[in-house]
Amino acid sequence: DVLPNGNLVIAGARKLTFSGETQNVVLHGLVRPSDIDSSNTILSTNIADARLEFISDGSLTAAQKRGWLSNLYEKLRPF
């Protein structure tokens, strides 16, 4: 999208799969057209309001989740 001031709204996604784990990485941000070089790339330091999302799914993610008993203990303990 192009904002009224000429800046561009960008979004991109990449899906990685390794060791039975799937990870989706999503990038959102704003860039100035003048920061885009001749090879149509931009440095990550030139992305304003950058937001990265990491979404994992697979056996490793499932193994790291706490069980219901651990969650209950966490809610009931005073400190």
Protein backbone atom coordinates (compact mmCIF):
# COMPACT_ATOMS: atom_id res chain seq x y z
CA ASP A 1 0.00 0.00 0.00
CA VAL A 2 1.13 3.60 -0.51
CA LEU A 3 0.46 6.15 2.24
CA PRO A 4 -0.50 9.77 1.44
CA ASN A 5 3.06 10.91 2.30
CA GLY A 6 4.50 8.47 -0.28
CA ASN A 7 5.84 5.89 2.18
CA LEU A 8 5.18 2.24 1.42
CA VAL A 9 3.49 -0.31 3.67
CA ILE A 10 5.28 -3.64 3.29
CA ALA A 11 4.55 -7.20 4.34
CA GLY A 12 6.35 -10.44 3.63
CA ALA A 13 6.28 -14.04 4.81
CA ARG A 14 8.62 -17.01 4.76
CA LYS A 15 7.90 -20.61 5.72
CA LEU A 16 10.76 -22.71 7.11
CA THR A 17 10.61 -26.42 7.82
CA PHE A 18 13.32 -28.31 9.70
CA SER A 19 13.49 -31.28 12.09
CA GLY A 20 9.73 -31.82 11.98
CA GLU A 21 9.09 -28.20 12.94
CA THR A 22 7.40 -25.63 10.70
CA GLN A 23 8.04 -21.96 11.39
CA ASN A 24 6.31 -19.07 9.65
CA VAL A 25 8.05 -15.70 9.82
CA VAL A 26 5.97 -12.63 8.93
CA LEU A 27 7.38 -9.09 8.54
CA HIS A 28 5.34 -5.87 8.50
CA GLY A 29 6.64 -2.31 8.32
CA LEU A 30 6.96 1.05 6.57
CA VAL A 31 9.69 2.12 4.14
CA ARG A 32 10.58 5.26 2.22
CA PRO A 33 10.84 4.76 -1.54
CA SER A 34 14.23 6.54 -1.48
CA ASP A 35 15.65 3.78 0.77
CA ILE A 36 15.01 1.06 -1.83
CA ASP A 37 18.20 0.38 -3.82
CA SER A 38 18.61 -0.52 -7.49
CA SER A 39 18.31 -4.27 -6.77
CA ASN A 40 14.88 -3.66 -5.16
CA THR A 41 16.15 -4.42 -1.65
CA ILE A 42 16.19 -2.46 1.58
CA LEU A 43 18.26 -2.73 4.76
CA SER A 44 16.35 -3.93 7.79
CA THR A 45 17.52 -0.82 9.67
CA ASN A 46 15.49 1.29 7.20
CA ILE A 47 12.16 -0.37 8.02
CA ALA A 48 10.07 1.82 10.33
CA ASP A 49 7.54 0.32 12.74
CA ALA A 50 8.96 -3.13 11.93
CA ARG A 51 7.05 -6.04 13.39
CA LEU A 52 8.19 -9.66 13.15
CA GLU A 53 5.93 -12.57 13.99
CA PHE A 54 7.27 -16.08 14.53
CA ILE A 55 4.62 -18.79 14.40
CA SER A 56 5.83 -22.34 15.12
CA ASP A 57 4.09 -25.66 14.81
CA GLY A 58 5.44 -29.17 15.22
CA SER A 59 6.74 -31.73 17.66
CA LEU A 60 9.26 -29.38 19.34
CA THR A 61 6.62 -26.70 19.93
CA ALA A 62 4.20 -29.27 21.35
CA ALA A 63 6.89 -30.63 23.70
CA GLN A 64 7.57 -27.14 25.10
CA LYS A 65 3.95 -26.43 26.03
CA ARG A 66 3.09 -26.76 29.70
CA GLY A 67 0.47 -29.22 30.81
CA TRP A 68 -2.77 -28.34 32.55
CA LEU A 69 -1.38 -29.25 35.99
CA SER A 70 1.58 -26.89 35.56
CA ASN A 71 -0.77 -24.11 34.44
CA LEU A 72 -3.02 -24.65 37.47
CA TYR A 73 -0.02 -24.61 39.83
CA GLU A 74 1.21 -21.36 38.26
CA LYS A 75 -2.18 -19.69 38.85
CA LEU A 76 -2.51 -20.91 42.44
CA ARG A 77 0.97 -20.22 43.80
CA PRO A 78 1.26 -16.87 45.62
CA PHE A 79 4.63 -15.75 44.19
